[in-house]
Amino acid sequence: MKILENRSTSFKHVGNMTYVEFYEDNKMIGLIDYSKHSMYYIEDAIENFMTGILTKETIKRYNLGAIPDEKENENQEPNSTSYQDS
């Protein structure tokens, strides 16, 4: 599958919680809580986003909260390890 170059993710553990931040064109489009899911499920979600199967609309539907203003996020790179296809 082809990886979309303008997409990236950031995987985070906070206590017992597991989150994935989703970015498109270096702007965060959503934050989803995957705490109740397995690592396999999370890896599949990341791959689906990176290949275009998981859409922006779906990310926004499951988003935990408001996304910062686009001007705040402009030209910011994700600050954690990003998923990369090898």
Protein backbone atom coordinates (compact mmCIF):
# COMPACT_ATOMS: atom_id res chain seq x y z
CA MET A 1 0.00 0.00 0.00
CA LYS A 2 1.12 3.50 -0.73
CA ILE A 3 1.91 5.72 2.26
CA LEU A 4 0.54 9.27 2.01
CA GLU A 5 3.52 11.60 2.43
CA ASN A 6 1.49 14.39 4.03
CA ARG A 7 0.31 12.25 6.97
CA SER A 8 1.99 11.30 10.23
CA THR A 9 1.05 10.07 13.68
CA SER A 10 2.35 10.32 17.21
CA PHE A 11 1.79 7.48 19.68
CA LYS A 12 1.62 8.40 23.38
CA HIS A 13 1.38 6.55 26.71
CA VAL A 14 0.18 8.63 29.66
CA GLY A 15 -0.18 6.50 32.78
CA ASN A 16 -2.47 3.64 31.78
CA MET A 17 -3.85 5.55 28.81
CA THR A 18 -2.80 5.14 25.17
CA TYR A 19 -3.40 7.86 22.60
CA VAL A 20 -2.61 8.47 18.94
CA GLU A 21 -2.33 11.98 17.50
CA PHE A 22 -3.11 12.19 13.80
CA TYR A 23 -1.47 14.83 11.58
CA GLU A 24 -2.08 15.92 8.01
CA ASP A 25 0.12 18.56 6.36
CA ASN A 26 1.88 19.02 9.74
CA LYS A 27 -1.41 20.03 11.42
CA MET A 28 -3.01 17.89 14.10
CA ILE A 29 -6.44 16.78 12.94
CA GLY A 30 -7.33 14.58 15.90
CA LEU A 31 -6.43 12.75 19.09
CA ILE A 32 -7.99 9.34 19.74
CA ASP A 33 -7.92 7.27 22.93
CA TYR A 34 -6.98 3.66 22.15
CA SER A 35 -6.58 2.56 25.79
CA LYS A 36 -9.15 -0.24 25.48
CA HIS A 37 -7.57 -1.71 22.36
CA SER A 38 -4.63 -4.00 21.67
CA MET A 39 -1.35 -2.86 20.14
CA TYR A 40 -2.33 -4.76 16.98
CA TYR A 41 -5.50 -2.68 16.72
CA ILE A 42 -3.54 0.55 17.26
CA GLU A 43 -0.91 -0.41 14.66
CA ASP A 44 -3.69 -1.21 12.17
CA ALA A 45 -5.36 2.16 12.84
CA ILE A 46 -2.07 3.97 12.25
CA GLU A 47 -1.42 2.04 9.03
CA ASN A 48 -4.98 2.69 7.86
CA PHE A 49 -4.53 6.41 8.44
CA MET A 50 -1.15 6.51 6.72
CA THR A 51 -2.57 4.76 3.64
CA GLY A 52 -5.77 6.81 3.43
CA ILE A 53 -8.22 4.13 4.59
CA LEU A 54 -8.91 5.94 7.88
CA THR A 55 -10.35 9.30 6.81
CA LYS A 56 -10.21 12.76 8.39
CA GLU A 57 -13.94 12.52 8.97
CA THR A 58 -13.52 9.32 10.98
CA ILE A 59 -10.68 10.87 13.00
CA LYS A 60 -12.87 13.88 13.79
CA ARG A 61 -15.78 11.62 14.82
CA TYR A 62 -13.66 9.87 17.48
CA ASN A 63 -11.55 12.90 18.42
CA LEU A 64 -11.24 13.50 22.18
CA GLY A 65 -11.54 17.27 22.09
CA ALA A 66 -11.15 20.47 20.23
CA ILE A 67 -8.22 20.76 17.87
CA PRO A 68 -6.06 23.85 18.43
CA ASP A 69 -6.51 26.69 15.99
CA GLU A 70 -4.77 25.97 12.67
CA LYS A 71 -2.56 29.04 13.12
CA GLU A 72 -1.20 27.57 16.38
CA ASN A 73 -0.31 24.31 14.64
CA GLU A 74 1.06 25.82 11.45
CA ASN A 75 4.44 24.37 10.44
CA GLN A 76 4.78 22.35 13.65
CA GLU A 77 6.20 18.86 13.42
CA PRO A 78 4.83 16.09 15.66
CA ASN A 79 6.98 15.99 18.81
CA SER A 80 7.04 12.21 19.31
CA THR A 81 8.11 9.18 17.36
CA SER A 82 6.17 9.05 14.12
CA TYR A 83 5.06 5.91 12.33
CA GLN A 84 7.16 5.22 9.27
CA ASP A 85 6.80 2.37 6.80
CA SER A 86 10.09 0.53 6.28
